[in-house]
PDB file of all heavy atoms in Angstrom:
ATOM      1  N   GLN A   1     176.584 -29.452 -32.770  1.00  0.00           N
ATOM      2  CA  GLN A   1     175.571 -28.969 -31.831  1.00  0.00           C
ATOM      3  C   GLN A   1     176.046 -29.274 -30.392  1.00  0.00           C
ATOM      4  O   GLN A   1     176.702 -30.207 -30.087  1.00  0.00           O
ATOM      5  CB  GLN A   1     174.294 -29.820 -32.137  1.00  0.00           C
ATOM      6  CG  GLN A   1     173.680 -29.395 -33.398  1.00  0.00           C
ATOM      7  CD  GLN A   1     172.424 -30.279 -33.677  1.00  0.00           C
ATOM      8  OE1 GLN A   1     172.152 -31.314 -33.120  1.00  0.00           O
ATOM      9  NE2 GLN A   1     171.641 -29.826 -34.641  1.00  0.00           N
ATOM     10  N   ARG A   2     175.599 -28.354 -29.553  1.00  0.00           N
ATOM     11  CA  ARG A   2     176.013 -28.422 -28.097  1.00  0.00           C
ATOM     12  C   ARG A   2     174.724 -28.390 -27.288  1.00  0.00           C
ATOM     13  O   ARG A   2     173.833 -27.643 -27.525  1.00  0.00           O
ATOM     14  CB  ARG A   2     176.874 -27.293 -27.766  1.00  0.00           C
ATOM     15  CG  ARG A   2     178.239 -27.291 -28.448  1.00  0.00           C
ATOM     16  CD  ARG A   2     179.114 -26.209 -27.996  1.00  0.00           C
ATOM     17  NE  ARG A   2     180.335 -26.155 -28.684  1.00  0.00           N
ATOM     18  CZ  ARG A   2     181.037 -25.087 -28.866  1.00  0.00           C
ATOM     19  NH1 ARG A   2     180.648 -23.954 -28.418  1.00  0.00           N
ATOM     20  NH2 ARG A   2     182.145 -25.087 -29.548  1.00  0.00           N
ATOM     21  N   PRO A   3     174.680 -29.210 -26.189  1.00  0.00           N
ATOM     22  CA  PRO A   3     173.509 -29.283 -25.386  1.00  0.00           C
ATOM     23  C   PRO A   3     173.159 -27.928 -24.606  1.00  0.00           C
ATOM     24  O   PRO A   3     172.055 -27.761 -24.258  1.00  0.00           O
ATOM     25  CB  PRO A   3     173.828 -30.356 -24.371  1.00  0.00           C
ATOM     26  CG  PRO A   3     175.290 -30.489 -24.385  1.00  0.00           C
ATOM     27  CD  PRO A   3     175.733 -30.038 -25.713  1.00  0.00           C
ATOM     28  N   GLN A   4     174.131 -27.112 -24.374  1.00  0.00           N
ATOM     29  CA  GLN A   4     173.849 -25.837 -23.629  1.00  0.00           C
ATOM     30  C   GLN A   4     173.014 -24.891 -24.449  1.00  0.00           C
ATOM     31  O   GLN A   4     172.465 -23.934 -23.886  1.00  0.00           O
ATOM     32  CB  GLN A   4     175.110 -25.180 -23.094  1.00  0.00           C
ATOM     33  CG  GLN A   4     176.014 -24.591 -24.126  1.00  0.00           C
ATOM     34  CD  GLN A   4     177.165 -25.472 -24.535  1.00  0.00           C
ATOM     35  OE1 GLN A   4     176.988 -26.746 -24.536  1.00  0.00           O
ATOM     36  NE2 GLN A   4     178.253 -24.957 -24.862  1.00  0.00           N
ATOM     37  N   TYR A   5     172.959 -25.126 -25.758  1.00  0.00           N
ATOM     38  CA  TYR A   5     172.115 -24.291 -26.574  1.00  0.00           C
ATOM     39  C   TYR A   5     170.815 -24.938 -26.794  1.00  0.00           C
ATOM     40  O   TYR A   5     170.702 -26.059 -27.274  1.00  0.00           O
ATOM     41  CB  TYR A   5     172.761 -24.028 -27.946  1.00  0.00           C
ATOM     42  CG  TYR A   5     174.132 -23.436 -27.897  1.00  0.00           C
ATOM     43  CD1 TYR A   5     175.266 -24.106 -28.470  1.00  0.00           C
ATOM     44  CD2 TYR A   5     174.396 -22.252 -27.273  1.00  0.00           C
ATOM     45  CE1 TYR A   5     176.455 -23.534 -28.373  1.00  0.00           C
ATOM     46  CE2 TYR A   5     175.641 -21.634 -27.190  1.00  0.00           C
ATOM     47  CZ  TYR A   5     176.718 -22.359 -27.790  1.00  0.00           C
ATOM     48  OH  TYR A   5     177.980 -21.810 -27.731  1.00  0.00           O
ATOM     49  N   SER A   6     169.718 -24.291 -26.418  1.00  0.00           N
ATOM     50  CA  SER A   6     168.467 -24.888 -26.505  1.00  0.00           C
ATOM     51  C   SER A   6     167.326 -23.848 -26.774  1.00  0.00           C
ATOM     52  O   SER A   6     167.561 -22.695 -26.605  1.00  0.00           O
ATOM     53  CB  SER A   6     168.076 -25.727 -25.293  1.00  0.00           C
ATOM     54  OG  SER A   6     167.840 -24.763 -24.257  1.00  0.00           O
ATOM     55  N   GLU A   7     166.226 -24.360 -27.286  1.00  0.00           N
ATOM     56  CA  GLU A   7     165.060 -23.428 -27.551  1.00  0.00           C
ATOM     57  C   GLU A   7     164.577 -22.948 -26.224  1.00  0.00           C
ATOM     58  O   GLU A   7     164.082 -21.813 -26.145  1.00  0.00           O
ATOM     59  CB  GLU A   7     163.999 -24.202 -28.342  1.00  0.00           C
ATOM     60  CG  GLU A   7     164.357 -24.443 -29.773  1.00  0.00           C
ATOM     61  CD  GLU A   7     163.316 -25.097 -30.587  1.00  0.00           C
ATOM     62  OE1 GLU A   7     162.111 -24.899 -30.266  1.00  0.00           O
ATOM     63  OE2 GLU A   7     163.639 -25.791 -31.535  1.00  0.00           O
ATOM     64  N   ALA A   8     164.722 -23.753 -25.173  1.00  0.00           N
ATOM     65  CA  ALA A   8     164.261 -23.274 -23.824  1.00  0.00           C
ATOM     66  C   ALA A   8     165.085 -22.027 -23.407  1.00  0.00           C
ATOM     67  O   ALA A   8     164.544 -21.139 -22.784  1.00  0.00           O
ATOM     68  CB  ALA A   8     164.437 -24.379 -22.813  1.00  0.00           C
ATOM     69  N   ALA A   9     166.403 -22.106 -23.697  1.00  0.00           N
ATOM     70  CA  ALA A   9     167.211 -20.924 -23.310  1.00  0.00           C
ATOM     71  C   ALA A   9     166.807 -19.708 -24.103  1.00  0.00           C
ATOM     72  O   ALA A   9     166.754 -18.624 -23.561  1.00  0.00           O
ATOM     73  CB  ALA A   9     168.717 -21.241 -23.616  1.00  0.00           C
ATOM     74  N   ILE A  10     166.485 -19.832 -25.365  1.00  0.00           N
ATOM     75  CA  ILE A  10     165.966 -18.709 -26.181  1.00  0.00           C
ATOM     76  C   ILE A  10     164.735 -18.180 -25.679  1.00  0.00           C
ATOM     77  O   ILE A  10     164.601 -16.986 -25.488  1.00  0.00           O
ATOM     78  CB  ILE A  10     165.841 -19.190 -27.633  1.00  0.00           C
ATOM     79  CG1 ILE A  10     167.138 -19.606 -28.260  1.00  0.00           C
ATOM     80  CG2 ILE A  10     165.208 -18.074 -28.479  1.00  0.00           C
ATOM     81  CD1 ILE A  10     167.007 -20.291 -29.584  1.00  0.00           C
ATOM     82  N   LYS A  11     163.868 -19.027 -25.185  1.00  0.00           N
ATOM     83  CA  LYS A  11     162.553 -18.557 -24.629  1.00  0.00           C
ATOM     84  C   LYS A  11     162.816 -17.764 -23.361  1.00  0.00           C
ATOM     85  O   LYS A  11     162.209 -16.705 -23.089  1.00  0.00           O
ATOM     86  CB  LYS A  11     161.619 -19.775 -24.385  1.00  0.00           C
ATOM     87  CG  LYS A  11     161.020 -20.302 -25.650  1.00  0.00           C
ATOM     88  CD  LYS A  11     160.164 -21.498 -25.358  1.00  0.00           C
ATOM     89  CE  LYS A  11     159.631 -22.102 -26.698  1.00  0.00           C
ATOM     90  NZ  LYS A  11     158.875 -23.321 -26.472  1.00  0.00           N
ATOM     91  N   LYS A  12     163.736 -18.267 -22.534  1.00  0.00           N
ATOM     92  CA  LYS A  12     164.121 -17.548 -21.291  1.00  0.00           C
ATOM     93  C   LYS A  12     164.696 -16.253 -21.572  1.00  0.00           C
ATOM     94  O   LYS A  12     164.280 -15.206 -20.875  1.00  0.00           O
ATOM     95  CB  LYS A  12     165.060 -18.355 -20.442  1.00  0.00           C
ATOM     96  CG  LYS A  12     164.432 -19.574 -19.789  1.00  0.00           C
ATOM     97  CD  LYS A  12     165.504 -20.225 -18.856  1.00  0.00           C
ATOM     98  CE  LYS A  12     164.837 -21.349 -18.054  1.00  0.00           C
ATOM     99  NZ  LYS A  12     165.830 -22.015 -17.126  1.00  0.00           N
ATOM    100  N   ILE A  13     165.515 -16.213 -22.512  1.00  0.00           N
ATOM    101  CA  ILE A  13     166.217 -14.929 -22.884  1.00  0.00           C
ATOM    102  C   ILE A  13     165.164 -13.924 -23.302  1.00  0.00           C
ATOM    103  O   ILE A  13     165.134 -12.755 -22.830  1.00  0.00           O
ATOM    104  CB  ILE A  13     167.300 -15.112 -23.912  1.00  0.00           C
ATOM    105  CG1 ILE A  13     168.438 -15.938 -23.472  1.00  0.00           C
ATOM    106  CG2 ILE A  13     167.785 -13.735 -24.528  1.00  0.00           C
ATOM    107  CD1 ILE A  13     169.343 -16.431 -24.557  1.00  0.00           C
ATOM    108  N   MET A  14     164.278 -14.279 -24.162  1.00  0.00           N
ATOM    109  CA  MET A  14     163.252 -13.358 -24.708  1.00  0.00           C
ATOM    110  C   MET A  14     162.242 -12.937 -23.666  1.00  0.00           C
ATOM    111  O   MET A  14     161.603 -11.912 -23.692  1.00  0.00           O
ATOM    112  CB  MET A  14     162.577 -13.994 -25.937  1.00  0.00           C
ATOM    113  CG  MET A  14     163.487 -14.115 -27.140  1.00  0.00           C
ATOM    114  SD  MET A  14     164.411 -12.676 -27.596  1.00  0.00           S
ATOM    115  CE  MET A  14     163.071 -11.521 -28.104  1.00  0.00           C
ATOM    116  N   ALA A  15     162.049 -13.850 -22.611  1.00  0.00           N
ATOM    117  CA  ALA A  15     161.110 -13.550 -21.552  1.00  0.00           C
ATOM    118  C   ALA A  15     161.743 -12.679 -20.462  1.00  0.00           C
ATOM    119  O   ALA A  15     161.100 -12.345 -19.518  1.00  0.00           O
ATOM    120  CB  ALA A  15     160.562 -14.828 -20.931  1.00  0.00           C
ATOM    121  N   GLY A  16     163.028 -12.394 -20.619  1.00  0.00           N
ATOM    122  CA  GLY A  16     163.730 -11.509 -19.697  1.00  0.00           C
ATOM    123  C   GLY A  16     164.245 -12.301 -18.529  1.00  0.00           C
ATOM    124  O   GLY A  16     164.722 -11.694 -17.508  1.00  0.00           O
ATOM    125  N   GLU A  17     164.276 -13.668 -18.601  1.00  0.00           N
ATOM    126  CA  GLU A  17     164.806 -14.546 -17.520  1.00  0.00           C
ATOM    127  C   GLU A  17     166.330 -14.708 -17.762  1.00  0.00           C
ATOM    128  O   GLU A  17     166.797 -14.580 -18.921  1.00  0.00           O
ATOM    129  CB  GLU A  17     164.097 -15.843 -17.490  1.00  0.00           C
ATOM    130  CG  GLU A  17     162.607 -15.716 -17.234  1.00  0.00           C
ATOM    131  CD  GLU A  17     161.989 -17.073 -17.309  1.00  0.00           C
ATOM    132  OE1 GLU A  17     162.587 -18.149 -17.044  1.00  0.00           O
ATOM    133  OE2 GLU A  17     160.764 -17.096 -17.748  1.00  0.00           O
ATOM    134  N   ARG A  18     167.029 -15.029 -16.706  1.00  0.00           N
ATOM    135  CA  ARG A  18     168.460 -15.306 -16.797  1.00  0.00           C
ATOM    136  C   ARG A  18     168.647 -16.759 -17.102  1.00  0.00           C
ATOM    137  O   ARG A  18     167.846 -17.615 -16.802  1.00  0.00           O
ATOM    138  CB  ARG A  18     169.087 -14.938 -15.502  1.00  0.00           C
ATOM    139  CG  ARG A  18     169.005 -13.415 -15.204  1.00  0.00           C
ATOM    140  CD  ARG A  18     169.384 -13.121 -13.792  1.00  0.00           C
ATOM    141  NE  ARG A  18     170.749 -13.240 -13.601  1.00  0.00           N
ATOM    142  CZ  ARG A  18     171.330 -13.256 -12.404  1.00  0.00           C
ATOM    143  NH1 ARG A  18     170.624 -13.025 -11.347  1.00  0.00           N
ATOM    144  NH2 ARG A  18     172.598 -13.416 -12.232  1.00  0.00           N
ATOM    145  N   VAL A  19     169.702 -17.034 -17.908  1.00  0.00           N
ATOM    146  CA  VAL A  19     170.078 -18.428 -18.294  1.00  0.00           C
ATOM    147  C   VAL A  19     171.333 -18.837 -17.639  1.00  0.00           C
ATOM    148  O   VAL A  19     172.077 -18.101 -17.216  1.00  0.00           O
ATOM    149  CB  VAL A  19     170.091 -18.530 -19.872  1.00  0.00           C
ATOM    150  CG1 VAL A  19     168.778 -18.317 -20.516  1.00  0.00           C
ATOM    151  CG2 VAL A  19     171.243 -17.625 -20.438  1.00  0.00           C
ATOM    152  N   GLU A  20     171.474 -20.201 -17.585  1.00  0.00           N
ATOM    153  CA  GLU A  20     172.758 -20.788 -17.007  1.00  0.00           C
ATOM    154  C   GLU A  20     173.934 -20.319 -17.743  1.00  0.00           C
ATOM    155  O   GLU A  20     173.963 -20.232 -18.936  1.00  0.00           O
ATOM    156  CB  GLU A  20     172.628 -22.309 -17.090  1.00  0.00           C
ATOM    157  CG  GLU A  20     171.586 -22.878 -16.235  1.00  0.00           C
ATOM    158  CD  GLU A  20     171.746 -22.660 -14.718  1.00  0.00           C
ATOM    159  OE1 GLU A  20     172.895 -22.678 -14.230  1.00  0.00           O
ATOM    160  OE2 GLU A  20     170.784 -22.491 -14.029  1.00  0.00           O
ATOM    161  N   ALA A  21     174.977 -20.002 -16.957  1.00  0.00           N
ATOM    162  CA  ALA A  21     176.189 -19.440 -17.500  1.00  0.00           C
ATOM    163  C   ALA A  21     177.236 -20.495 -17.853  1.00  0.00           C
ATOM    164  O   ALA A  21     178.287 -20.550 -17.326  1.00  0.00           O
ATOM    165  CB  ALA A  21     176.769 -18.482 -16.531  1.00  0.00           C
ATOM    166  N   SER A  22     176.871 -21.309 -18.950  1.00  0.00           N
ATOM    167  CA  SER A  22     177.943 -22.298 -19.379  1.00  0.00           C
ATOM    168  C   SER A  22     178.888 -21.557 -20.235  1.00  0.00           C
ATOM    169  O   SER A  22     178.654 -20.364 -20.621  1.00  0.00           O
ATOM    170  CB  SER A  22     177.210 -23.378 -20.210  1.00  0.00           C
ATOM    171  OG  SER A  22     176.683 -22.823 -21.447  1.00  0.00           O
ATOM    172  N   ASP A  23     180.030 -22.147 -20.519  1.00  0.00           N
ATOM    173  CA  ASP A  23     181.138 -21.517 -21.278  1.00  0.00           C
ATOM    174  C   ASP A  23     180.575 -21.015 -22.615  1.00  0.00           C
ATOM    175  O   ASP A  23     180.836 -19.903 -23.011  1.00  0.00           O
ATOM    176  CB  ASP A  23     182.276 -22.452 -21.498  1.00  0.00           C
ATOM    177  CG  ASP A  23     183.045 -22.627 -20.226  1.00  0.00           C
ATOM    178  OD1 ASP A  23     182.933 -21.886 -19.274  1.00  0.00           O
ATOM    179  OD2 ASP A  23     183.727 -23.680 -20.179  1.00  0.00           O
ATOM    180  N   GLY A  24     179.908 -21.867 -23.333  1.00  0.00           N
ATOM    181  CA  GLY A  24     179.423 -21.533 -24.691  1.00  0.00           C
ATOM    182  C   GLY A  24     178.421 -20.325 -24.678  1.00  0.00           C
ATOM    183  O   GLY A  24     178.530 -19.449 -25.476  1.00  0.00           O
ATOM    184  N   VAL A  25     177.539 -20.375 -23.724  1.00  0.00           N
ATOM    185  CA  VAL A  25     176.504 -19.394 -23.667  1.00  0.00           C
ATOM    186  C   VAL A  25     177.160 -18.019 -23.236  1.00  0.00           C
ATOM    187  O   VAL A  25     176.877 -16.981 -23.809  1.00  0.00           O
ATOM    188  CB  VAL A  25     175.339 -19.766 -22.685  1.00  0.00           C
ATOM    189  CG1 VAL A  25     174.433 -18.619 -22.404  1.00  0.00           C
ATOM    190  CG2 VAL A  25     174.604 -20.956 -23.183  1.00  0.00           C
ATOM    191  N   SER A  26     178.007 -18.111 -22.287  1.00  0.00           N
ATOM    192  CA  SER A  26     178.716 -16.876 -21.869  1.00  0.00           C
ATOM    193  C   SER A  26     179.556 -16.297 -23.010  1.00  0.00           C
ATOM    194  O   SER A  26     179.585 -15.124 -23.270  1.00  0.00           O
ATOM    195  CB  SER A  26     179.710 -17.195 -20.674  1.00  0.00           C
ATOM    196  OG  SER A  26     180.287 -16.069 -20.247  1.00  0.00           O
ATOM    197  N   ASP A  27     180.229 -17.180 -23.757  1.00  0.00           N
ATOM    198  CA  ASP A  27     181.025 -16.678 -24.907  1.00  0.00           C
ATOM    199  C   ASP A  27     180.207 -16.015 -25.972  1.00  0.00           C
ATOM    200  O   ASP A  27     180.549 -15.016 -26.559  1.00  0.00           O
ATOM    201  CB  ASP A  27     181.726 -17.918 -25.599  1.00  0.00           C
ATOM    202  CG  ASP A  27     182.907 -18.401 -24.762  1.00  0.00           C
ATOM    203  OD1 ASP A  27     183.299 -17.802 -23.785  1.00  0.00           O
ATOM    204  OD2 ASP A  27     183.316 -19.577 -25.037  1.00  0.00           O
ATOM    205  N   LYS A  28     178.972 -16.600 -26.235  1.00  0.00           N
ATOM    206  CA  LYS A  28     178.041 -15.971 -27.129  1.00  0.00           C
ATOM    207  C   LYS A  28     177.680 -14.500 -26.690  1.00  0.00           C
ATOM    208  O   LYS A  28     177.608 -13.636 -27.489  1.00  0.00           O
ATOM    209  CB  LYS A  28     176.784 -16.777 -27.342  1.00  0.00           C
ATOM    210  CG  LYS A  28     176.970 -18.040 -28.127  1.00  0.00           C
ATOM    211  CD  LYS A  28     177.182 -17.723 -29.529  1.00  0.00           C
ATOM    212  CE  LYS A  28     177.441 -19.018 -30.355  1.00  0.00           C
ATOM    213  NZ  LYS A  28     177.987 -18.741 -31.685  1.00  0.00           N
ATOM    214  N   LEU A  29     177.372 -14.377 -25.357  1.00  0.00           N
ATOM    215  CA  LEU A  29     176.950 -13.111 -24.838  1.00  0.00           C
ATOM    216  C   LEU A  29     178.151 -12.109 -24.952  1.00  0.00           C
ATOM    217  O   LEU A  29     177.929 -10.959 -25.338  1.00  0.00           O
ATOM    218  CB  LEU A  29     176.469 -13.258 -23.356  1.00  0.00           C
ATOM    219  CG  LEU A  29     176.012 -11.904 -22.758  1.00  0.00           C
ATOM    220  CD1 LEU A  29     174.864 -11.360 -23.513  1.00  0.00           C
ATOM    221  CD2 LEU A  29     175.627 -12.202 -21.346  1.00  0.00           C
ATOM    222  N   VAL A  30     179.348 -12.545 -24.765  1.00  0.00           N
ATOM    223  CA  VAL A  30     180.544 -11.715 -24.829  1.00  0.00           C
ATOM    224  C   VAL A  30     180.659 -11.242 -26.338  1.00  0.00           C
ATOM    225  O   VAL A  30     180.874 -10.013 -26.588  1.00  0.00           O
ATOM    226  CB  VAL A  30     181.801 -12.387 -24.421  1.00  0.00           C
ATOM    227  CG1 VAL A  30     183.040 -11.633 -24.791  1.00  0.00           C
ATOM    228  CG2 VAL A  30     181.776 -12.639 -22.875  1.00  0.00           C
ATOM    229  N   ARG A  31     180.440 -12.150 -27.252  1.00  0.00           N
ATOM    230  CA  ARG A  31     180.581 -11.732 -28.678  1.00  0.00           C
ATOM    231  C   ARG A  31     179.480 -10.779 -29.044  1.00  0.00           C
ATOM    232  O   ARG A  31     179.732  -9.795 -29.868  1.00  0.00           O
ATOM    233  CB  ARG A  31     180.485 -13.004 -29.556  1.00  0.00           C
ATOM    234  CG  ARG A  31     181.758 -13.759 -29.524  1.00  0.00           C
ATOM    235  CD  ARG A  31     181.795 -14.936 -30.556  1.00  0.00           C
ATOM    236  NE  ARG A  31     182.783 -15.813 -30.153  1.00  0.00           N
ATOM    237  CZ  ARG A  31     182.500 -17.124 -29.732  1.00  0.00           C
ATOM    238  NH1 ARG A  31     181.362 -17.584 -29.827  1.00  0.00           N
ATOM    239  NH2 ARG A  31     183.517 -17.947 -29.379  1.00  0.00           N
ATOM    240  N   VAL A  32     178.262 -10.977 -28.539  1.00  0.00           N
ATOM    241  CA  VAL A  32     177.209 -10.023 -28.815  1.00  0.00           C
ATOM    242  C   VAL A  32     177.553  -8.621 -28.269  1.00  0.00           C
ATOM    243  O   VAL A  32     177.463  -7.592 -28.926  1.00  0.00           O
ATOM    244  CB  VAL A  32     175.856 -10.475 -28.230  1.00  0.00           C
ATOM    245  CG1 VAL A  32     174.878  -9.361 -28.220  1.00  0.00           C
ATOM    246  CG2 VAL A  32     175.348 -11.682 -29.007  1.00  0.00           C
ATOM    247  N   GLY A  33     178.106  -8.601 -27.012  1.00  0.00           N
ATOM    248  CA  GLY A  33     178.511  -7.320 -26.422  1.00  0.00           C
ATOM    249  C   GLY A  33     179.603  -6.659 -27.295  1.00  0.00           C
ATOM    250  O   GLY A  33     179.625  -5.461 -27.449  1.00  0.00           O
ATOM    251  N   GLN A  34     180.547  -7.467 -27.773  1.00  0.00           N
ATOM    252  CA  GLN A  34     181.634  -6.931 -28.634  1.00  0.00           C
ATOM    253  C   GLN A  34     181.052  -6.385 -29.900  1.00  0.00           C
ATOM    254  O   GLN A  34     181.510  -5.344 -30.376  1.00  0.00           O
ATOM    255  CB  GLN A  34     182.681  -7.956 -28.856  1.00  0.00           C
ATOM    256  CG  GLN A  34     183.486  -8.336 -27.660  1.00  0.00           C
ATOM    257  CD  GLN A  34     184.368  -9.515 -27.845  1.00  0.00           C
ATOM    258  OE1 GLN A  34     184.116 -10.361 -28.781  1.00  0.00           O
ATOM    259  NE2 GLN A  34     185.429  -9.683 -27.016  1.00  0.00           N
ATOM    260  N   ASP A  35     180.086  -7.075 -30.483  1.00  0.00           N
ATOM    261  CA  ASP A  35     179.381  -6.577 -31.667  1.00  0.00           C
ATOM    262  C   ASP A  35     178.819  -5.183 -31.487  1.00  0.00           C
ATOM    263  O   ASP A  35     178.720  -4.373 -32.402  1.00  0.00           O
ATOM    264  CB  ASP A  35     178.370  -7.518 -32.204  1.00  0.00           C
ATOM    265  CG  ASP A  35     178.962  -8.811 -32.788  1.00  0.00           C
ATOM    266  OD1 ASP A  35     180.167  -8.819 -32.991  1.00  0.00           O
ATOM    267  OD2 ASP A  35     178.199  -9.800 -33.011  1.00  0.00           O
ATOM    268  N   PHE A  36     178.321  -4.977 -30.302  1.00  0.00           N
ATOM    269  CA  PHE A  36     177.703  -3.614 -29.911  1.00  0.00           C
ATOM    270  C   PHE A  36     178.782  -2.647 -29.462  1.00  0.00           C
ATOM    271  O   PHE A  36     178.392  -1.626 -28.939  1.00  0.00           O
ATOM    272  CB  PHE A  36     176.591  -3.822 -28.890  1.00  0.00           C
ATOM    273  CG  PHE A  36     175.298  -4.364 -29.448  1.00  0.00           C
ATOM    274  CD1 PHE A  36     174.970  -5.623 -29.559  1.00  0.00           C
ATOM    275  CD2 PHE A  36     174.329  -3.436 -29.858  1.00  0.00           C
ATOM    276  CE1 PHE A  36     173.829  -6.143 -30.074  1.00  0.00           C
ATOM    277  CE2 PHE A  36     173.122  -3.810 -30.377  1.00  0.00           C
ATOM    278  CZ  PHE A  36     172.842  -5.169 -30.547  1.00  0.00           C
TER     279      PHE A  36
END
């Protein structure tokens, strides 16, 4: 488990808010983009 992943981040994402760009979160977004 990593502290940069949180339920608060998920709520922000779903609410259309921007989240802090830590390495892990940015990597997840890149992978999602690659999946698409």
